[in-house]
Amino acid sequence: MFDDTYKTILTRSEGLFKDRGSRFIGLAFPVKSEEKVKEILAEIKKEYHDATHHCYAYYIGHIGTPAIRMNDDGEPSGTAGKPIYGQILSFDLKNILILVIRYFGGTKLGVSGLINAYKETAKITIANANIIEYAIKDLYSVEFEYPLMNNVMKILKNNAVEIKNTIYNNNNVIIEFEIIWTKKEEICGQLRNIHGTMQKYIKTV
């Protein structure tokens, strides 16, 4: 059964973890594209230009195949990006980027120490975040002649539907509406049953 909601964070979040002199600063961001990830990474590397490592993981996408990446940024393979990503999965979050910036304190932590440090930093950062749940929706438009307005509105007055825009053009009406993913077949099917309506899928949001 496909779930019509997903969890992400509302705004930037921060966390701090220390171990044997090393400081690990966690930063989490809500993101919806890899282009946005690149922008944030560039900004953070400037802001924390004197840090030893800038490690990260992200999960982008809430339908279909997600874009996933883990980066150890010079730490031993699998000791940074993977434990950060593990916390994204543990909290069941999507459309999120988590960076962990390390300032080396002079004492090597070893593989297990690094895995624990990056894991705990990501965990603290997420725990400090405002986690929210979004409904997955499709944006559609339906076009029809004005006399059909009452019939169309009877269907669109549904808790699963949010009308975004209504355009009147002489005797024609175009209504753009968002519909919860799992209800789209039901609602769109009802609209198709009204002779004289034309539907168009616009995008998933």
C-alpha atoms as a PDB file:
ATOM      1  CA  MET A   1       0.000   0.000   0.000  1.00  0.00           C
ATOM      2  CA  PHE A   2       1.485   3.331  -1.066  1.00  0.00           C
ATOM      3  CA  ASP A   3       1.700   5.888   1.721  1.00  0.00           C
ATOM      4  CA  ASP A   4       0.477   9.347   0.724  1.00  0.00           C
ATOM      5  CA  THR A   5       2.615  11.223   3.250  1.00  0.00           C
ATOM      6  CA  TYR A   6       6.316  11.617   3.983  1.00  0.00           C
ATOM      7  CA  LYS A   7       8.366  13.165   6.777  1.00  0.00           C
ATOM      8  CA  THR A   8      10.988  15.877   6.387  1.00  0.00           C
ATOM      9  CA  ILE A   9      12.304  18.839   8.399  1.00  0.00           C
ATOM     10  CA  LEU A  10      10.812  22.316   8.288  1.00  0.00           C
ATOM     11  CA  THR A  11      13.967  24.459   8.506  1.00  0.00           C
ATOM     12  CA  ARG A  12      17.719  24.277   9.062  1.00  0.00           C
ATOM     13  CA  SER A  13      18.750  22.431  12.211  1.00  0.00           C
ATOM     14  CA  GLU A  14      22.062  22.168  14.073  1.00  0.00           C
ATOM     15  CA  GLY A  15      23.748  19.790  16.487  1.00  0.00           C
ATOM     16  CA  LEU A  16      27.106  19.424  18.248  1.00  0.00           C
ATOM     17  CA  PHE A  17      29.068  16.362  19.384  1.00  0.00           C
ATOM     18  CA  LYS A  18      32.545  16.209  20.930  1.00  0.00           C
ATOM     19  CA  ASP A  19      34.936  13.297  21.354  1.00  0.00           C
ATOM     20  CA  ARG A  20      38.582  13.423  22.543  1.00  0.00           C
ATOM     21  CA  GLY A  21      39.096  16.979  21.388  1.00  0.00           C
ATOM     22  CA  SER A  22      37.409  16.664  18.004  1.00  0.00           C
ATOM     23  CA  ARG A  23      34.309  18.795  17.415  1.00  0.00           C
ATOM     24  CA  PHE A  24      31.560  17.567  15.110  1.00  0.00           C
ATOM     25  CA  ILE A  25      29.041  20.174  13.966  1.00  0.00           C
ATOM     26  CA  GLY A  26      25.866  18.827  12.408  1.00  0.00           C
ATOM     27  CA  LEU A  27      23.725  20.816   9.968  1.00  0.00           C
ATOM     28  CA  ALA A  28      20.476  19.568   8.449  1.00  0.00           C
ATOM     29  CA  PHE A  29      18.568  21.227   5.602  1.00  0.00           C
ATOM     30  CA  PRO A  30      15.281  20.507   3.823  1.00  0.00           C
ATOM     31  CA  VAL A  31      16.110  20.075   0.117  1.00  0.00           C
ATOM     32  CA  LYS A  32      14.174  19.071  -2.995  1.00  0.00           C
ATOM     33  CA  SER A  33      16.912  19.049  -5.663  1.00  0.00           C
ATOM     34  CA  GLU A  34      20.563  18.128  -6.091  1.00  0.00           C
ATOM     35  CA  GLU A  35      21.154  21.671  -7.396  1.00  0.00           C
ATOM     36  CA  LYS A  36      20.078  22.983  -3.987  1.00  0.00           C
ATOM     37  CA  VAL A  37      22.460  20.525  -2.318  1.00  0.00           C
ATOM     38  CA  LYS A  38      25.354  21.894  -4.394  1.00  0.00           C
ATOM     39  CA  GLU A  39      24.467  25.470  -3.386  1.00  0.00           C
ATOM     40  CA  ILE A  40      24.356  24.574   0.321  1.00  0.00           C
ATOM     41  CA  LEU A  41      27.609  22.594   0.166  1.00  0.00           C
ATOM     42  CA  ALA A  42      29.389  25.531  -1.471  1.00  0.00           C
ATOM     43  CA  GLU A  43      28.084  27.943   1.176  1.00  0.00           C
ATOM     44  CA  ILE A  44      28.963  25.674   4.108  1.00  0.00           C
ATOM     45  CA  LYS A  45      32.482  24.989   2.803  1.00  0.00           C
ATOM     46  CA  LYS A  46      33.041  28.756   2.689  1.00  0.00           C
ATOM     47  CA  GLU A  47      31.524  29.276   6.136  1.00  0.00           C
ATOM     48  CA  TYR A  48      33.550  26.434   7.684  1.00  0.00           C
ATOM     49  CA  HIS A  49      36.591  26.731   5.412  1.00  0.00           C
ATOM     50  CA  ASP A  50      39.010  25.856   8.225  1.00  0.00           C
ATOM     51  CA  ALA A  51      37.323  22.546   9.101  1.00  0.00           C
ATOM     52  CA  THR A  52      39.131  19.228   8.632  1.00  0.00           C
ATOM     53  CA  HIS A  53      36.247  17.424   6.913  1.00  0.00           C
ATOM     54  CA  HIS A  54      32.845  18.259   5.413  1.00  0.00           C
ATOM     55  CA  CYS A  55      30.977  14.937   5.303  1.00  0.00           C
ATOM     56  CA  TYR A  56      27.369  14.536   4.259  1.00  0.00           C
ATOM     57  CA  ALA A  57      24.489  12.381   3.102  1.00  0.00           C
ATOM     58  CA  TYR A  58      21.210  13.212   1.446  1.00  0.00           C
ATOM     59  CA  TYR A  59      17.931  11.621   0.405  1.00  0.00           C
ATOM     60  CA  ILE A  60      15.901  13.506  -2.210  1.00  0.00           C
ATOM     61  CA  GLY A  61      12.558  12.343  -3.557  1.00  0.00           C
ATOM     62  CA  HIS A  62       9.274  11.138  -2.107  1.00  0.00           C
ATOM     63  CA  ILE A  63       7.975   9.126  -5.086  1.00  0.00           C
ATOM     64  CA  GLY A  64       9.762   6.873  -7.534  1.00  0.00           C
ATOM     65  CA  THR A  65      13.520   6.336  -7.276  1.00  0.00           C
ATOM     66  CA  PRO A  66      15.176   8.737  -4.821  1.00  0.00           C
ATOM     67  CA  ALA A  67      18.500  10.533  -5.312  1.00  0.00           C
ATOM     68  CA  ILE A  68      20.835   9.300  -2.571  1.00  0.00           C
ATOM     69  CA  ARG A  69      24.459  10.153  -1.891  1.00  0.00           C
ATOM     70  CA  MET A  70      26.974   9.647   0.915  1.00  0.00           C
ATOM     71  CA  ASN A  71      30.344  11.412   1.101  1.00  0.00           C
ATOM     72  CA  ASP A  72      33.187  10.689   3.550  1.00  0.00           C
ATOM     73  CA  ASP A  73      35.311  13.668   2.431  1.00  0.00           C
ATOM     74  CA  GLY A  74      38.635  12.026   3.239  1.00  0.00           C
ATOM     75  CA  GLU A  75      37.592  10.078   6.318  1.00  0.00           C
ATOM     76  CA  PRO A  76      38.109   6.283   6.115  1.00  0.00           C
ATOM     77  CA  SER A  77      35.573   4.740   3.730  1.00  0.00           C
ATOM     78  CA  GLY A  78      32.177   4.113   5.322  1.00  0.00           C
ATOM     79  CA  THR A  79      32.900   5.954   8.578  1.00  0.00           C
ATOM     80  CA  ALA A  80      31.077   9.234   7.894  1.00  0.00           C
ATOM     81  CA  GLY A  81      28.561   9.406   5.048  1.00  0.00           C
ATOM     82  CA  LYS A  82      27.105   5.961   5.748  1.00  0.00           C
ATOM     83  CA  PRO A  83      26.356   6.517   9.467  1.00  0.00           C
ATOM     84  CA  ILE A  84      24.887   9.933   8.631  1.00  0.00           C
ATOM     85  CA  TYR A  85      22.650   8.312   6.009  1.00  0.00           C
ATOM     86  CA  GLY A  86      21.744   5.601   8.505  1.00  0.00           C
ATOM     87  CA  GLN A  87      20.170   8.228  10.753  1.00  0.00           C
ATOM     88  CA  ILE A  88      18.148   9.643   7.836  1.00  0.00           C
ATOM     89  CA  LEU A  89      16.727   6.137   7.364  1.00  0.00           C
ATOM     90  CA  SER A  90      16.290   5.593  11.100  1.00  0.00           C
ATOM     91  CA  PHE A  91      14.091   8.696  11.377  1.00  0.00           C
ATOM     92  CA  ASP A  92      12.373   7.848   8.044  1.00  0.00           C
ATOM     93  CA  LEU A  93      13.099  11.277   6.549  1.00  0.00           C
ATOM     94  CA  LYS A  94      13.019  12.366   2.917  1.00  0.00           C
ATOM     95  CA  ASN A  95      14.098  15.517   1.054  1.00  0.00           C
ATOM     96  CA  ILE A  96      16.874  16.149   3.555  1.00  0.00           C
ATOM     97  CA  LEU A  97      20.609  16.926   3.502  1.00  0.00           C
ATOM     98  CA  ILE A  98      22.739  16.376   6.607  1.00  0.00           C
ATOM     99  CA  LEU A  99      26.289  17.714   6.813  1.00  0.00           C
ATOM    100  CA  VAL A 100      28.721  16.942   9.605  1.00  0.00           C
ATOM    101  CA  ILE A 101      31.723  19.244   9.827  1.00  0.00           C
ATOM    102  CA  ARG A 102      34.721  17.976  11.787  1.00  0.00           C
ATOM    103  CA  TYR A 103      37.449  19.938  13.507  1.00  0.00           C
ATOM    104  CA  PHE A 104      40.222  17.471  14.352  1.00  0.00           C
ATOM    105  CA  GLY A 105      41.282  17.613  17.981  1.00  0.00           C
ATOM    106  CA  GLY A 106      44.639  15.876  17.745  1.00  0.00           C
ATOM    107  CA  THR A 107      43.600  12.367  18.807  1.00  0.00           C
ATOM    108  CA  LYS A 108      42.604   9.740  16.250  1.00  0.00           C
ATOM    109  CA  LEU A 109      39.266   8.142  17.050  1.00  0.00           C
ATOM    110  CA  GLY A 110      39.655   4.940  15.035  1.00  0.00           C
ATOM    111  CA  VAL A 111      37.033   3.466  12.724  1.00  0.00           C
ATOM    112  CA  SER A 112      34.476   2.642  15.429  1.00  0.00           C
ATOM    113  CA  GLY A 113      34.987   6.031  17.084  1.00  0.00           C
ATOM    114  CA  LEU A 114      34.423   7.869  13.803  1.00  0.00           C
ATOM    115  CA  ILE A 115      31.305   5.868  12.950  1.00  0.00           C
ATOM    116  CA  ASN A 116      29.890   6.627  16.391  1.00  0.00           C
ATOM    117  CA  ALA A 117      30.774  10.329  16.193  1.00  0.00           C
ATOM    118  CA  TYR A 118      29.155  10.886  12.791  1.00  0.00           C
ATOM    119  CA  LYS A 119      26.134   8.800  13.757  1.00  0.00           C
ATOM    120  CA  GLU A 120      25.602  10.643  17.054  1.00  0.00           C
ATOM    121  CA  THR A 121      26.078  14.064  15.457  1.00  0.00           C
ATOM    122  CA  ALA A 122      23.469  13.305  12.800  1.00  0.00           C
ATOM    123  CA  LYS A 123      21.138  11.888  15.460  1.00  0.00           C
ATOM    124  CA  ILE A 124      21.445  14.993  17.656  1.00  0.00           C
ATOM    125  CA  THR A 125      20.951  17.285  14.651  1.00  0.00           C
ATOM    126  CA  ILE A 126      17.756  15.505  13.620  1.00  0.00           C
ATOM    127  CA  ALA A 127      16.512  15.434  17.230  1.00  0.00           C
ATOM    128  CA  ASN A 128      16.892  19.237  17.295  1.00  0.00           C
ATOM    129  CA  ALA A 129      14.902  19.635  14.076  1.00  0.00           C
ATOM    130  CA  ASN A 130      11.245  20.422  13.578  1.00  0.00           C
ATOM    131  CA  ILE A 131      10.031  17.261  11.824  1.00  0.00           C
ATOM    132  CA  ILE A 132       6.869  17.679   9.788  1.00  0.00           C
ATOM    133  CA  GLU A 133       4.675  15.422   7.686  1.00  0.00           C
ATOM    134  CA  TYR A 134       3.736  16.379   4.132  1.00  0.00           C
ATOM    135  CA  ALA A 135       0.950  14.924   2.043  1.00  0.00           C
ATOM    136  CA  ILE A 136       2.032  13.863  -1.457  1.00  0.00           C
ATOM    137  CA  LYS A 137      -0.236  15.554  -3.982  1.00  0.00           C
ATOM    138  CA  ASP A 138      -0.741  15.825  -7.729  1.00  0.00           C
ATOM    139  CA  LEU A 139      -1.548  19.159  -9.345  1.00  0.00           C
ATOM    140  CA  TYR A 140      -4.245  18.923 -12.032  1.00  0.00           C
ATOM    141  CA  SER A 141      -6.363  21.282 -14.075  1.00  0.00           C
ATOM    142  CA  VAL A 142      -9.907  20.685 -15.250  1.00  0.00           C
ATOM    143  CA  GLU A 143     -11.496  22.751 -18.041  1.00  0.00           C
ATOM    144  CA  PHE A 144     -15.214  22.973 -18.728  1.00  0.00           C
ATOM    145  CA  GLU A 145     -18.019  25.314 -19.759  1.00  0.00           C
ATOM    146  CA  TYR A 146     -19.555  27.454 -17.036  1.00  0.00           C
ATOM    147  CA  PRO A 147     -22.953  25.633 -16.873  1.00  0.00           C
ATOM    148  CA  LEU A 148     -21.074  22.564 -15.535  1.00  0.00           C
ATOM    149  CA  MET A 149     -19.660  24.532 -12.574  1.00  0.00           C
ATOM    150  CA  ASN A 150     -22.019  23.121  -9.931  1.00  0.00           C
ATOM    151  CA  ASN A 151     -21.401  19.527 -10.996  1.00  0.00           C
ATOM    152  CA  VAL A 152     -17.614  20.015 -10.964  1.00  0.00           C
ATOM    153  CA  MET A 153     -17.608  21.816  -7.599  1.00  0.00           C
ATOM    154  CA  LYS A 154     -19.628  19.038  -5.957  1.00  0.00           C
ATOM    155  CA  ILE A 155     -16.686  16.719  -6.699  1.00  0.00           C
ATOM    156  CA  LEU A 156     -13.931  19.186  -5.837  1.00  0.00           C
ATOM    157  CA  LYS A 157     -15.488  20.018  -2.447  1.00  0.00           C
ATOM    158  CA  ASN A 158     -13.608  17.103  -0.926  1.00  0.00           C
ATOM    159  CA  ASN A 159     -11.137  16.991   1.973  1.00  0.00           C
ATOM    160  CA  ALA A 160      -8.579  15.402  -0.375  1.00  0.00           C
ATOM    161  CA  VAL A 161      -8.738  18.377  -2.779  1.00  0.00           C
ATOM    162  CA  GLU A 162      -7.352  21.907  -2.510  1.00  0.00           C
ATOM    163  CA  ILE A 163      -8.336  24.401  -5.224  1.00  0.00           C
ATOM    164  CA  LYS A 164      -5.297  26.534  -6.147  1.00  0.00           C
ATOM    165  CA  ASN A 165      -6.574  28.733  -8.971  1.00  0.00           C
ATOM    166  CA  THR A 166      -9.748  29.447 -10.952  1.00  0.00           C
ATOM    167  CA  ILE A 167      -9.608  31.106 -14.381  1.00  0.00           C
ATOM    168  CA  TYR A 168     -12.695  32.414 -16.165  1.00  0.00           C
ATOM    169  CA  ASN A 169     -12.435  32.888 -19.931  1.00  0.00           C
ATOM    170  CA  ASN A 170     -15.760  33.912 -21.454  1.00  0.00           C
ATOM    171  CA  ASN A 171     -17.943  30.810 -21.023  1.00  0.00           C
ATOM    172  CA  ASN A 172     -14.988  28.561 -20.157  1.00  0.00           C
ATOM    173  CA  VAL A 173     -13.624  27.817 -16.667  1.00  0.00           C
ATOM    174  CA  ILE A 174     -10.246  26.298 -15.771  1.00  0.00           C
ATOM    175  CA  ILE A 175      -9.700  25.146 -12.192  1.00  0.00           C
ATOM    176  CA  GLU A 176      -6.272  24.088 -10.959  1.00  0.00           C
ATOM    177  CA  PHE A 177      -6.380  21.826  -7.930  1.00  0.00           C
ATOM    178  CA  GLU A 178      -4.093  19.688  -5.797  1.00  0.00           C
ATOM    179  CA  ILE A 179      -5.274  16.241  -4.845  1.00  0.00           C
ATOM    180  CA  ILE A 180      -3.847  13.781  -2.328  1.00  0.00           C
ATOM    181  CA  TRP A 181      -1.977  11.049  -4.208  1.00  0.00           C
ATOM    182  CA  THR A 182      -4.064   8.093  -3.068  1.00  0.00           C
ATOM    183  CA  LYS A 183      -7.362   9.831  -3.896  1.00  0.00           C
ATOM    184  CA  LYS A 184      -6.539  10.998  -7.425  1.00  0.00           C
ATOM    185  CA  GLU A 185      -8.053   8.025  -9.288  1.00  0.00           C
ATOM    186  CA  GLU A 186     -11.332   8.370  -7.401  1.00  0.00           C
ATOM    187  CA  ILE A 187     -11.697  12.144  -7.882  1.00  0.00           C
ATOM    188  CA  CYS A 188     -10.396  12.256 -11.457  1.00  0.00           C
ATOM    189  CA  GLY A 189     -12.663   9.345 -12.363  1.00  0.00           C
ATOM    190  CA  GLN A 190     -15.679  11.254 -11.079  1.00  0.00           C
ATOM    191  CA  LEU A 191     -14.674  14.319 -13.110  1.00  0.00           C
ATOM    192  CA  ARG A 192     -14.263  12.207 -16.253  1.00  0.00           C
ATOM    193  CA  ASN A 193     -17.845  11.038 -15.811  1.00  0.00           C
ATOM    194  CA  ILE A 194     -19.026  14.608 -16.356  1.00  0.00           C
ATOM    195  CA  HIS A 195     -19.397  14.924 -20.127  1.00  0.00           C
ATOM    196  CA  GLY A 196     -17.606  18.048 -21.400  1.00  0.00           C
ATOM    197  CA  THR A 197     -14.725  18.239 -18.908  1.00  0.00           C
ATOM    198  CA  MET A 198     -11.042  18.031 -19.891  1.00  0.00           C
ATOM    199  CA  GLN A 199      -8.407  17.138 -17.299  1.00  0.00           C
ATOM    200  CA  LYS A 200      -4.666  17.699 -17.417  1.00  0.00           C
ATOM    201  CA  TYR A 201      -1.973  16.424 -15.061  1.00  0.00           C
ATOM    202  CA  ILE A 202       0.535  19.187 -14.267  1.00  0.00           C
ATOM    203  CA  LYS A 203       3.006  17.843 -11.671  1.00  0.00           C
ATOM    204  CA  THR A 204       3.474  15.979  -8.396  1.00  0.00           C
ATOM    205  CA  VAL A 205       4.249  18.147  -5.374  1.00  0.00           C
END
